[in-house]
Amino acid sequence: MFGWLASFGVHSRARSTTTVRWLAITPRTLLEGLGQLGGVLYLAPSFAASCQADLPSSPGCLVESADLAPLLSTRYVGVTCAVTCEGPREWIDCIGADGETLARIYLLPDTDYLAWDGLFVDALPIDGPPCRLPDRDGLRGCRARVLSFSRRRLGGFDMLSATDVCISVLGRGVARDIAVSESIAIGG
């Protein structure tokens, strides 16, 4: 949450105020961290698009719904902090082994900021993913959901599920602004 403060004022207005920290992770690390965040804005391919891809396999990890399946293929994350005209924004780009953008998760005012800051404490910093960088094209055809992840053990597996969550008026406004800037509709 406070990553954007570190870059605020350091750059002149002519320079970018966006910073990205790249990390190599395992799906298990991602699933463990997401279950602690509370309300977030989750952008992922629609059900039809995610069914067209090969089903990911991550030993010991399962997801409860198809729209969470891209998280099982995540091998890298780009933790981005930006200062926009709407205010500070932080998000995580979930990147696959081939460098494709699989999903994006935005911090909202209702997110547990301490869990967000500690999300990837043990992840391995890298210079960047091996192939292409995340771009808006990777998120075409996505849908956005305000949700809360939860993780539980089920027969020796880590199971990630998500439920739509009610958030504050401020949080709904921020989620709406993000969806508009991404040209994506928020749906259930």
N, C-alpha and C. Protein backbone atom coordinates (compact mmCIF):
# COMPACT_ATOMS: atom_id res chain seq x y z
N MET A 1 0.82 -1.19 0.00
CA MET A 1 0.00 0.00 0.00
C MET A 1 0.86 1.25 0.00
N PHE A 2 1.98 1.23 0.67
CA PHE A 2 2.77 2.44 0.81
C PHE A 2 3.91 2.52 -0.18
N GLY A 3 3.95 1.59 -1.13
CA GLY A 3 4.99 1.60 -2.15
C GLY A 3 4.98 2.87 -2.97
N TRP A 4 3.78 3.41 -3.24
CA TRP A 4 3.69 4.62 -4.05
C TRP A 4 4.25 5.83 -3.30
N LEU A 5 4.21 5.80 -1.96
CA LEU A 5 4.76 6.92 -1.21
C LEU A 5 6.27 7.03 -1.39
N ALA A 6 6.92 5.87 -1.56
CA ALA A 6 8.37 5.87 -1.72
C ALA A 6 8.78 6.59 -3.00
N SER A 7 7.93 6.54 -4.03
CA SER A 7 8.29 7.19 -5.29
C SER A 7 7.66 8.57 -5.44
N PHE A 8 6.72 8.93 -4.57
CA PHE A 8 6.04 10.20 -4.67
C PHE A 8 7.01 11.34 -4.34
N GLY A 9 7.11 12.29 -5.24
CA GLY A 9 7.98 13.43 -5.01
C GLY A 9 9.40 13.20 -5.48
N VAL A 10 9.79 11.95 -5.70
CA VAL A 10 11.14 11.66 -6.16
C VAL A 10 11.25 11.98 -7.64
N HIS A 11 10.22 11.70 -8.39
CA HIS A 11 10.23 11.93 -9.84
C HIS A 11 9.60 13.29 -10.15
N SER A 12 10.12 13.92 -11.17
CA SER A 12 9.48 15.15 -11.61
C SER A 12 8.20 14.79 -12.35
N ARG A 13 7.36 15.76 -12.60
CA ARG A 13 6.11 15.50 -13.31
C ARG A 13 6.35 14.96 -14.71
N ALA A 14 7.49 15.24 -15.28
CA ALA A 14 7.79 14.78 -16.63
C ALA A 14 8.13 13.28 -16.66
N ARG A 15 8.50 12.72 -15.54
CA ARG A 15 8.87 11.31 -15.48
C ARG A 15 7.69 10.46 -15.00
N SER A 16 7.79 9.18 -15.25
CA SER A 16 6.76 8.25 -14.82
C SER A 16 6.77 8.12 -13.30
N THR A 17 5.59 7.95 -12.73
CA THR A 17 5.49 7.72 -11.30
C THR A 17 5.03 6.28 -11.05
N THR A 18 5.36 5.40 -11.97
CA THR A 18 5.01 4.00 -11.83
C THR A 18 6.26 3.19 -11.54
N THR A 19 6.17 2.34 -10.52
CA THR A 19 7.27 1.42 -10.22
C THR A 19 6.73 0.00 -10.23
N VAL A 20 7.53 -0.93 -10.73
CA VAL A 20 7.14 -2.34 -10.78
C VAL A 20 8.23 -3.16 -10.12
N ARG A 21 7.83 -4.04 -9.24
CA ARG A 21 8.75 -4.98 -8.59
C ARG A 21 8.37 -6.37 -9.07
N TRP A 22 9.31 -7.07 -9.70
CA TRP A 22 9.06 -8.41 -10.26
C TRP A 22 9.51 -9.49 -9.29
N LEU A 23 8.68 -10.51 -9.15
CA LEU A 23 8.97 -11.61 -8.24
C LEU A 23 8.64 -12.94 -8.90
N ALA A 24 9.46 -13.94 -8.66
CA ALA A 24 9.16 -15.31 -9.07
C ALA A 24 8.49 -15.99 -7.89
N ILE A 25 7.37 -16.66 -8.16
CA ILE A 25 6.61 -17.31 -7.08
C ILE A 25 6.09 -18.66 -7.53
N THR A 26 5.60 -19.40 -6.58
CA THR A 26 4.89 -20.64 -6.88
C THR A 26 3.39 -20.36 -6.70
N PRO A 27 2.55 -21.11 -7.38
CA PRO A 27 1.11 -20.93 -7.16
C PRO A 27 0.71 -21.10 -5.69
N ARG A 28 1.37 -22.00 -4.99
CA ARG A 28 1.04 -22.21 -3.57
C ARG A 28 1.29 -20.93 -2.76
N THR A 29 2.40 -20.25 -3.01
CA THR A 29 2.70 -18.99 -2.32
C THR A 29 1.63 -17.95 -2.62
N LEU A 30 1.23 -17.88 -3.90
CA LEU A 30 0.19 -16.94 -4.30
C LEU A 30 -1.13 -17.24 -3.59
N LEU A 31 -1.54 -18.50 -3.60
CA LEU A 31 -2.81 -18.89 -2.98
C LEU A 31 -2.81 -18.61 -1.49
N GLU A 32 -1.70 -18.87 -0.83
CA GLU A 32 -1.62 -18.62 0.61
C GLU A 32 -1.80 -17.14 0.92
N GLY A 33 -1.17 -16.28 0.13
CA GLY A 33 -1.25 -14.84 0.37
C GLY A 33 -2.60 -14.25 0.04
N LEU A 34 -3.21 -14.70 -1.05
CA LEU A 34 -4.48 -14.12 -1.48
C LEU A 34 -5.59 -14.35 -0.46
N GLY A 35 -5.52 -15.45 0.25
CA GLY A 35 -6.56 -15.77 1.23
C GLY A 35 -6.62 -14.83 2.41
N GLN A 36 -5.67 -13.92 2.52
CA GLN A 36 -5.61 -13.01 3.67
C GLN A 36 -5.99 -11.57 3.33
N LEU A 37 -6.24 -11.27 2.06
CA LEU A 37 -6.36 -9.87 1.63
C LEU A 37 -7.68 -9.17 1.95
N GLY A 38 -8.78 -9.87 1.98
CA GLY A 38 -10.07 -9.21 2.09
C GLY A 38 -10.51 -8.74 0.72
N GLY A 39 -11.29 -7.67 0.63
CA GLY A 39 -11.86 -7.20 -0.63
C GLY A 39 -10.83 -6.65 -1.61
N VAL A 40 -10.83 -7.19 -2.83
CA VAL A 40 -9.95 -6.75 -3.92
C VAL A 40 -10.76 -6.70 -5.21
N LEU A 41 -10.20 -6.07 -6.23
CA LEU A 41 -10.79 -6.10 -7.57
C LEU A 41 -9.97 -7.09 -8.38
N TYR A 42 -10.63 -8.14 -8.88
CA TYR A 42 -9.96 -9.23 -9.59
C TYR A 42 -10.36 -9.18 -11.05
N LEU A 43 -9.38 -9.07 -11.93
CA LEU A 43 -9.60 -9.08 -13.38
C LEU A 43 -9.02 -10.38 -13.93
N ALA A 44 -9.86 -11.16 -14.60
CA ALA A 44 -9.42 -12.43 -15.18
C ALA A 44 -10.24 -12.70 -16.42
N PRO A 45 -9.74 -13.61 -17.27
CA PRO A 45 -10.50 -13.95 -18.47
C PRO A 45 -11.89 -14.46 -18.10
N SER A 46 -12.83 -14.27 -19.01
CA SER A 46 -14.18 -14.78 -18.78
C SER A 46 -14.14 -16.29 -18.74
N PHE A 47 -15.20 -16.90 -18.27
CA PHE A 47 -15.29 -18.35 -18.15
C PHE A 47 -14.98 -19.03 -19.48
N ALA A 48 -15.54 -18.53 -20.58
CA ALA A 48 -15.32 -19.15 -21.89
C ALA A 48 -13.86 -19.07 -22.30
N ALA A 49 -13.21 -17.93 -22.05
CA ALA A 49 -11.81 -17.78 -22.43
C ALA A 49 -10.91 -18.68 -21.60
N SER A 50 -11.21 -18.81 -20.32
CA SER A 50 -10.35 -19.65 -19.49
C SER A 50 -10.54 -21.12 -19.80
N CYS A 51 -11.69 -21.52 -20.34
CA CYS A 51 -11.90 -22.91 -20.71
C CYS A 51 -11.17 -23.28 -22.00
N GLN A 52 -10.85 -22.29 -22.83
CA GLN A 52 -10.15 -22.56 -24.08
C GLN A 52 -8.70 -22.91 -23.84
N ALA A 53 -8.12 -22.40 -22.78
CA ALA A 53 -6.71 -22.66 -22.49
C ALA A 53 -6.56 -24.05 -21.87
N ASP A 54 -5.35 -24.57 -21.96
CA ASP A 54 -5.08 -25.83 -21.27
C ASP A 54 -5.27 -25.61 -19.78
N LEU A 55 -5.83 -26.62 -19.13
CA LEU A 55 -6.02 -26.50 -17.70
C LEU A 55 -4.68 -26.53 -17.00
N PRO A 56 -4.43 -25.56 -16.13
CA PRO A 56 -3.15 -25.51 -15.44
C PRO A 56 -3.06 -26.63 -14.40
N SER A 57 -1.86 -27.03 -14.11
CA SER A 57 -1.68 -28.00 -13.05
C SER A 57 -0.66 -27.46 -12.07
N SER A 58 -1.01 -27.49 -10.83
CA SER A 58 -0.12 -27.06 -9.77
C SER A 58 -0.28 -28.08 -8.64
N PRO A 59 0.71 -28.92 -8.44
CA PRO A 59 0.58 -29.98 -7.44
C PRO A 59 0.16 -29.45 -6.07
N GLY A 60 -0.86 -30.05 -5.52
CA GLY A 60 -1.31 -29.70 -4.19
C GLY A 60 -2.22 -28.49 -4.11
N CYS A 61 -2.56 -27.87 -5.25
CA CYS A 61 -3.41 -26.67 -5.25
C CYS A 61 -4.62 -26.89 -6.15
N LEU A 62 -5.75 -26.42 -5.69
CA LEU A 62 -7.00 -26.48 -6.45
C LEU A 62 -7.70 -25.14 -6.35
N VAL A 63 -8.56 -24.86 -7.33
CA VAL A 63 -9.43 -23.68 -7.27
C VAL A 63 -10.87 -24.17 -7.36
N GLU A 64 -11.76 -23.40 -6.77
CA GLU A 64 -13.16 -23.81 -6.70
C GLU A 64 -13.95 -23.42 -7.93
N SER A 65 -13.47 -22.44 -8.71
CA SER A 65 -14.20 -22.02 -9.90
C SER A 65 -13.23 -21.74 -11.04
N ALA A 66 -13.76 -21.83 -12.26
CA ALA A 66 -12.93 -21.69 -13.47
C ALA A 66 -12.28 -20.32 -13.57
N ASP A 67 -12.93 -19.26 -13.08
CA ASP A 67 -12.33 -17.93 -13.22
C ASP A 67 -11.10 -17.74 -12.33
N LEU A 68 -10.85 -18.65 -11.41
CA LEU A 68 -9.65 -18.60 -10.58
C LEU A 68 -8.51 -19.45 -11.15
N ALA A 69 -8.81 -20.26 -12.15
CA ALA A 69 -7.82 -21.18 -12.73
C ALA A 69 -6.53 -20.50 -13.20
N PRO A 70 -6.58 -19.28 -13.77
CA PRO A 70 -5.32 -18.64 -14.18
C PRO A 70 -4.31 -18.49 -13.04
N LEU A 71 -4.77 -18.41 -11.82
CA LEU A 71 -3.87 -18.25 -10.69
C LEU A 71 -2.98 -19.48 -10.49
N LEU A 72 -3.46 -20.65 -10.93
CA LEU A 72 -2.67 -21.88 -10.81
C LEU A 72 -1.52 -21.92 -11.82
N SER A 73 -1.58 -21.09 -12.86
CA SER A 73 -0.52 -21.03 -13.87
C SER A 73 0.45 -19.89 -13.63
N THR A 74 0.23 -19.11 -12.59
CA THR A 74 1.08 -17.95 -12.31
C THR A 74 2.46 -18.40 -11.84
N ARG A 75 3.49 -17.87 -12.49
CA ARG A 75 4.87 -18.16 -12.12
C ARG A 75 5.63 -16.90 -11.70
N TYR A 76 5.10 -15.74 -12.11
CA TYR A 76 5.72 -14.46 -11.78
C TYR A 76 4.62 -13.47 -11.43
N VAL A 77 4.96 -12.51 -10.60
CA VAL A 77 4.05 -11.40 -10.35
C VAL A 77 4.81 -10.09 -10.51
N GLY A 78 4.11 -9.12 -11.05
CA GLY A 78 4.63 -7.76 -11.11
C GLY A 78 3.80 -6.93 -10.15
N VAL A 79 4.40 -6.47 -9.08
CA VAL A 79 3.70 -5.65 -8.09
C VAL A 79 3.92 -4.20 -8.51
N THR A 80 2.86 -3.55 -8.95
CA THR A 80 2.95 -2.21 -9.52
C THR A 80 2.35 -1.17 -8.59
N CYS A 81 3.06 -0.07 -8.43
CA CYS A 81 2.59 1.09 -7.68
C CYS A 81 2.61 2.26 -8.65
N ALA A 82 1.49 2.97 -8.74
CA ALA A 82 1.40 4.09 -9.67
C ALA A 82 0.63 5.23 -9.02
N VAL A 83 1.02 6.43 -9.38
CA VAL A 83 0.25 7.61 -8.99
C VAL A 83 -0.42 8.09 -10.26
N THR A 84 -1.76 8.02 -10.27
CA THR A 84 -2.54 8.41 -11.43
C THR A 84 -3.29 9.70 -11.12
N CYS A 85 -3.97 10.21 -12.12
CA CYS A 85 -4.76 11.43 -11.88
C CYS A 85 -5.92 11.16 -10.92
N GLU A 86 -6.33 9.89 -10.79
CA GLU A 86 -7.38 9.53 -9.83
C GLU A 86 -6.84 9.26 -8.43
N GLY A 87 -5.52 9.22 -8.31
CA GLY A 87 -4.90 8.92 -7.02
C GLY A 87 -3.98 7.73 -7.12
N PRO A 88 -3.46 7.26 -5.98
CA PRO A 88 -2.54 6.13 -6.01
C PRO A 88 -3.26 4.83 -6.37
N ARG A 89 -2.57 3.97 -7.10
CA ARG A 89 -3.10 2.65 -7.46
C ARG A 89 -2.00 1.63 -7.23
N GLU A 90 -2.39 0.47 -6.71
CA GLU A 90 -1.47 -0.65 -6.60
C GLU A 90 -2.18 -1.89 -7.12
N TRP A 91 -1.42 -2.70 -7.86
CA TRP A 91 -1.98 -3.93 -8.39
C TRP A 91 -0.91 -4.97 -8.59
N ILE A 92 -1.36 -6.20 -8.77
CA ILE A 92 -0.49 -7.33 -9.02
C ILE A 92 -0.85 -7.89 -10.39
N ASP A 93 0.13 -7.99 -11.29
CA ASP A 93 -0.06 -8.70 -12.55
C ASP A 93 0.42 -10.12 -12.36
N CYS A 94 -0.46 -11.09 -12.62
CA CYS A 94 -0.11 -12.51 -12.53
C CYS A 94 0.34 -12.94 -13.92
N ILE A 95 1.57 -13.43 -14.03
CA ILE A 95 2.20 -13.73 -15.31
C ILE A 95 2.52 -15.22 -15.37
N GLY A 96 2.23 -15.85 -16.52
CA GLY A 96 2.51 -17.26 -16.71
C GLY A 96 3.96 -17.50 -17.11
N ALA A 97 4.32 -18.76 -17.26
CA ALA A 97 5.70 -19.15 -17.58
C ALA A 97 6.16 -18.58 -18.92
N ASP A 98 5.24 -18.38 -19.87
CA ASP A 98 5.59 -17.84 -21.18
C ASP A 98 5.50 -16.32 -21.26
N GLY A 99 5.23 -15.67 -20.14
CA GLY A 99 5.17 -14.22 -20.11
C GLY A 99 3.79 -13.64 -20.38
N GLU A 100 2.77 -14.49 -20.50
CA GLU A 100 1.43 -13.98 -20.78
C GLU A 100 0.76 -13.47 -19.50
N THR A 101 -0.01 -12.40 -19.64
CA THR A 101 -0.74 -11.85 -18.51
C THR A 101 -1.97 -12.71 -18.28
N LEU A 102 -2.08 -13.27 -17.08
CA LEU A 102 -3.17 -14.19 -16.76
C LEU A 102 -4.29 -13.51 -15.97
N ALA A 103 -3.92 -12.61 -15.08
CA ALA A 103 -4.92 -11.95 -14.23
C ALA A 103 -4.27 -10.71 -13.62
N ARG A 104 -5.12 -9.86 -13.07
CA ARG A 104 -4.65 -8.66 -12.38
C ARG A 104 -5.51 -8.49 -11.13
N ILE A 105 -4.87 -8.13 -10.03
CA ILE A 105 -5.56 -7.95 -8.76
C ILE A 105 -5.22 -6.57 -8.22
N TYR A 106 -6.27 -5.76 -8.00
CA TYR A 106 -6.09 -4.39 -7.52
C TYR A 106 -6.37 -4.28 -6.03
N LEU A 107 -5.55 -3.51 -5.36
CA LEU A 107 -5.77 -3.12 -3.99
C LEU A 107 -6.93 -2.13 -3.95
N LEU A 108 -7.81 -2.29 -3.00
CA LEU A 108 -8.93 -1.36 -2.78
C LEU A 108 -8.84 -0.80 -1.36
N PRO A 109 -9.56 0.27 -1.07
CA PRO A 109 -9.54 0.80 0.30
C PRO A 109 -9.97 -0.24 1.34
N ASP A 110 -10.73 -1.26 0.93
CA ASP A 110 -11.21 -2.29 1.85
C ASP A 110 -10.24 -3.46 2.01
N THR A 111 -9.16 -3.47 1.25
CA THR A 111 -8.17 -4.54 1.33
C THR A 111 -7.39 -4.41 2.63
N ASP A 112 -6.97 -5.53 3.20
CA ASP A 112 -6.12 -5.53 4.38
C ASP A 112 -4.72 -5.09 3.93
N TYR A 113 -4.36 -3.86 4.24
CA TYR A 113 -3.10 -3.28 3.75
C TYR A 113 -1.88 -4.01 4.30
N LEU A 114 -1.95 -4.48 5.55
CA LEU A 114 -0.80 -5.20 6.11
C LEU A 114 -0.62 -6.54 5.39
N ALA A 115 -1.71 -7.22 5.07
CA ALA A 115 -1.60 -8.48 4.31
C ALA A 115 -1.07 -8.19 2.91
N TRP A 116 -1.50 -7.07 2.30
CA TRP A 116 -1.01 -6.70 0.97
C TRP A 116 0.50 -6.46 1.00
N ASP A 117 0.97 -5.70 1.98
CA ASP A 117 2.40 -5.41 2.08
C ASP A 117 3.22 -6.66 2.36
N GLY A 118 2.63 -7.63 3.07
CA GLY A 118 3.35 -8.85 3.40
C GLY A 118 3.11 -9.99 2.43
N LEU A 119 2.37 -9.71 1.36
CA LEU A 119 1.93 -10.77 0.44
C LEU A 119 3.08 -11.61 -0.11
N PHE A 120 4.15 -10.97 -0.52
CA PHE A 120 5.24 -11.71 -1.16
C PHE A 120 6.57 -11.48 -0.45
N VAL A 121 6.54 -11.42 0.86
CA VAL A 121 7.75 -11.18 1.64
C VAL A 121 8.83 -12.22 1.32
N ASP A 122 8.44 -13.48 1.13
CA ASP A 122 9.42 -14.55 0.91
C ASP A 122 9.64 -14.86 -0.57
N ALA A 123 9.04 -14.09 -1.48
CA ALA A 123 9.19 -14.35 -2.91
C ALA A 123 10.58 -13.93 -3.38
N LEU A 124 11.01 -14.51 -4.48
CA LEU A 124 12.34 -14.26 -5.03
C LEU A 124 12.31 -13.10 -6.02
N PRO A 125 12.99 -11.98 -5.73
CA PRO A 125 13.03 -10.84 -6.67
C PRO A 125 13.77 -11.23 -7.95
N ILE A 126 13.25 -10.78 -9.09
CA ILE A 126 13.88 -11.02 -10.39
C ILE A 126 13.86 -9.72 -11.19
N ASP A 127 14.59 -9.69 -12.31
CA ASP A 127 14.62 -8.50 -13.16
C ASP A 127 13.35 -8.33 -13.97
N GLY A 128 12.66 -9.41 -14.28
CA GLY A 128 11.43 -9.38 -15.05
C GLY A 128 11.12 -10.77 -15.56
N PRO A 129 9.91 -10.98 -16.05
CA PRO A 129 9.57 -12.29 -16.59
C PRO A 129 10.39 -12.58 -17.84
N PRO A 130 10.54 -13.85 -18.21
CA PRO A 130 11.43 -14.21 -19.31
C PRO A 130 10.99 -13.73 -20.69
N CYS A 131 9.72 -13.44 -20.87
CA CYS A 131 9.24 -13.06 -22.21
C CYS A 131 8.65 -11.67 -22.19
N ARG A 132 7.46 -11.55 -22.71
CA ARG A 132 6.84 -10.23 -22.86
C ARG A 132 6.33 -9.68 -21.53
N LEU A 133 6.19 -8.39 -21.50
CA LEU A 133 5.70 -7.71 -20.30
C LEU A 133 4.19 -7.60 -20.34
N PRO A 134 3.55 -7.44 -19.16
CA PRO A 134 2.09 -7.32 -19.14
C PRO A 134 1.62 -6.10 -19.91
N ASP A 135 0.51 -6.25 -20.57
CA ASP A 135 -0.06 -5.14 -21.34
C ASP A 135 -1.57 -5.26 -21.31
N ARG A 136 -2.21 -4.25 -21.80
CA ARG A 136 -3.67 -4.24 -21.80
C ARG A 136 -4.25 -5.34 -22.69
N ASP A 137 -3.53 -5.74 -23.75
CA ASP A 137 -4.04 -6.78 -24.62
C ASP A 137 -4.24 -8.10 -23.88
N GLY A 138 -3.40 -8.36 -22.90
CA GLY A 138 -3.53 -9.59 -22.13
C GLY A 138 -4.80 -9.63 -21.31
N LEU A 139 -5.43 -8.48 -21.11
CA LEU A 139 -6.64 -8.41 -20.31
C LEU A 139 -7.90 -8.20 -21.14
N ARG A 140 -7.78 -8.24 -22.46
CA ARG A 140 -8.97 -8.09 -23.30
C ARG A 140 -9.92 -9.28 -23.06
N GLY A 141 -11.19 -8.99 -23.03
CA GLY A 141 -12.17 -10.05 -22.80
C GLY A 141 -12.28 -10.47 -21.35
N CYS A 142 -11.66 -9.70 -20.47
CA CYS A 142 -11.71 -10.03 -19.05
C CYS A 142 -12.99 -9.50 -18.42
N ARG A 143 -13.26 -10.00 -17.26
CA ARG A 143 -14.32 -9.42 -16.46
C ARG A 143 -13.74 -9.06 -15.11
N ALA A 144 -14.32 -8.09 -14.48
CA ALA A 144 -13.83 -7.62 -13.18
C ALA A 144 -14.85 -8.00 -12.10
N ARG A 145 -14.34 -8.45 -10.99
CA ARG A 145 -15.19 -8.79 -9.84
C ARG A 145 -14.58 -8.23 -8.57
N VAL A 146 -15.42 -7.66 -7.73
CA VAL A 146 -15.00 -7.29 -6.39
C VAL A 146 -15.25 -8.52 -5.55
N LEU A 147 -14.18 -9.08 -5.00
CA LEU A 147 -14.33 -10.34 -4.27
C LEU A 147 -13.34 -10.44 -3.13
N SER A 148 -13.51 -11.48 -2.36
CA SER A 148 -12.59 -11.82 -1.29
C SER A 148 -12.19 -13.27 -1.48
N PHE A 149 -10.88 -13.52 -1.53
CA PHE A 149 -10.37 -14.88 -1.66
C PHE A 149 -10.39 -15.55 -0.29
N SER A 150 -10.56 -16.86 -0.30
CA SER A 150 -10.39 -17.62 0.93
C SER A 150 -9.67 -18.92 0.58
N ARG A 151 -8.89 -19.39 1.52
CA ARG A 151 -8.10 -20.59 1.31
C ARG A 151 -8.39 -21.56 2.44
N ARG A 152 -8.50 -22.83 2.07
CA ARG A 152 -8.69 -23.85 3.10
C ARG A 152 -8.03 -25.15 2.64
N ARG A 153 -7.79 -26.02 3.57
CA ARG A 153 -7.24 -27.34 3.27
C ARG A 153 -8.40 -28.29 2.99
N LEU A 154 -8.25 -29.08 1.94
CA LEU A 154 -9.30 -30.04 1.56
C LEU A 154 -8.61 -31.32 1.09
N GLY A 155 -8.63 -32.33 1.92
CA GLY A 155 -8.05 -33.62 1.56
C GLY A 155 -6.59 -33.54 1.13
N GLY A 156 -5.78 -32.75 1.81
CA GLY A 156 -4.37 -32.63 1.47
C GLY A 156 -4.06 -31.60 0.40
N PHE A 157 -5.07 -30.90 -0.09
CA PHE A 157 -4.89 -29.86 -1.11
C PHE A 157 -5.17 -28.49 -0.50
N ASP A 158 -4.51 -27.47 -1.06
CA ASP A 158 -4.87 -26.09 -0.75
C ASP A 158 -5.93 -25.68 -1.74
N MET A 159 -7.11 -25.31 -1.26
CA MET A 159 -8.24 -24.95 -2.11
C MET A 159 -8.47 -23.44 -2.01
N LEU A 160 -8.43 -22.75 -3.17
CA LEU A 160 -8.71 -21.32 -3.21
C LEU A 160 -10.12 -21.13 -3.74
N SER A 161 -10.89 -20.34 -3.04
CA SER A 161 -12.22 -19.98 -3.51
C SER A 161 -12.37 -18.46 -3.38
N ALA A 162 -13.44 -17.95 -3.95
CA ALA A 162 -13.69 -16.51 -3.90
C ALA A 162 -15.18 -16.27 -3.79
N THR A 163 -15.54 -15.27 -3.04
CA THR A 163 -16.94 -14.88 -2.93
C THR A 163 -17.04 -13.38 -3.19
N ASP A 164 -18.12 -13.01 -3.85
CA ASP A 164 -18.39 -11.59 -4.03
C ASP A 164 -18.57 -10.98 -2.64
N VAL A 165 -18.08 -9.78 -2.48
CA VAL A 165 -18.07 -9.18 -1.15
C VAL A 165 -18.62 -7.76 -1.23
N CYS A 166 -19.34 -7.38 -0.18
CA CYS A 166 -19.80 -5.99 -0.07
C CYS A 166 -18.66 -5.16 0.48
N ILE A 167 -18.41 -4.04 -0.15
CA ILE A 167 -17.35 -3.15 0.30
C ILE A 167 -17.92 -1.76 0.52
N SER A 168 -17.11 -0.88 1.03
CA SER A 168 -17.53 0.47 1.33
C SER A 168 -17.89 1.25 0.07
N VAL A 169 -18.57 2.36 0.25
CA VAL A 169 -18.91 3.23 -0.87
C VAL A 169 -17.63 3.73 -1.54
N LEU A 170 -16.63 4.08 -0.74
CA LEU A 170 -15.34 4.53 -1.29
C LEU A 170 -14.71 3.40 -2.12
N GLY A 171 -14.72 2.20 -1.58
CA GLY A 171 -14.15 1.05 -2.29
C GLY A 171 -14.87 0.78 -3.61
N ARG A 172 -16.20 0.88 -3.60
CA ARG A 172 -16.97 0.67 -4.84
C ARG A 172 -16.63 1.74 -5.87
N GLY A 173 -16.45 2.97 -5.42
CA GLY A 173 -16.08 4.05 -6.34
C GLY A 173 -14.70 3.83 -6.95
N VAL A 174 -13.74 3.40 -6.13
CA VAL A 174 -12.39 3.12 -6.64
C VAL A 174 -12.43 1.96 -7.62
N ALA A 175 -13.17 0.89 -7.29
CA ALA A 175 -13.30 -0.27 -8.19
C ALA A 175 -13.92 0.15 -9.51
N ARG A 176 -14.94 0.99 -9.46
CA ARG A 176 -15.59 1.48 -10.68
C ARG A 176 -14.61 2.30 -11.52
N ASP A 177 -13.85 3.19 -10.88
CA ASP A 177 -12.87 4.00 -11.61
C ASP A 177 -11.80 3.13 -12.27
N ILE A 178 -11.34 2.11 -11.58
CA ILE A 178 -10.34 1.21 -12.15
C ILE A 178 -10.93 0.47 -13.34
N ALA A 179 -12.14 -0.05 -13.20
CA ALA A 179 -12.78 -0.78 -14.29
C ALA A 179 -12.95 0.12 -15.51
N VAL A 180 -13.33 1.37 -15.29
CA VAL A 180 -13.47 2.31 -16.41
C VAL A 180 -12.12 2.54 -17.07
N SER A 181 -11.07 2.73 -16.27
CA SER A 181 -9.75 2.97 -16.87
C SER A 181 -9.23 1.75 -17.61
N GLU A 182 -9.65 0.55 -17.22
CA GLU A 182 -9.27 -0.70 -17.90
C GLU A 182 -10.24 -1.05 -19.04
N SER A 183 -11.31 -0.27 -19.18
CA SER A 183 -12.36 -0.53 -20.20
C SER A 183 -12.98 -1.91 -20.01
N ILE A 184 -13.27 -2.23 -18.75
CA ILE A 184 -13.86 -3.53 -18.39
C ILE A 184 -15.05 -3.27 -17.49
N ALA A 185 -16.12 -4.02 -17.69
CA ALA A 185 -17.30 -3.90 -16.86
C ALA A 185 -17.14 -4.75 -15.61
N ILE A 186 -17.69 -4.27 -14.49
CA ILE A 186 -17.68 -5.05 -13.27
C ILE A 186 -18.92 -5.93 -13.30
N GLY A 187 -18.71 -7.21 -13.07
CA GLY A 187 -19.83 -8.16 -13.07
C GLY A 187 -19.69 -9.15 -11.94
N GLY A 188 -20.77 -9.88 -11.68
CA GLY A 188 -20.76 -10.88 -10.60
C GLY A 188 -20.40 -12.24 -11.10
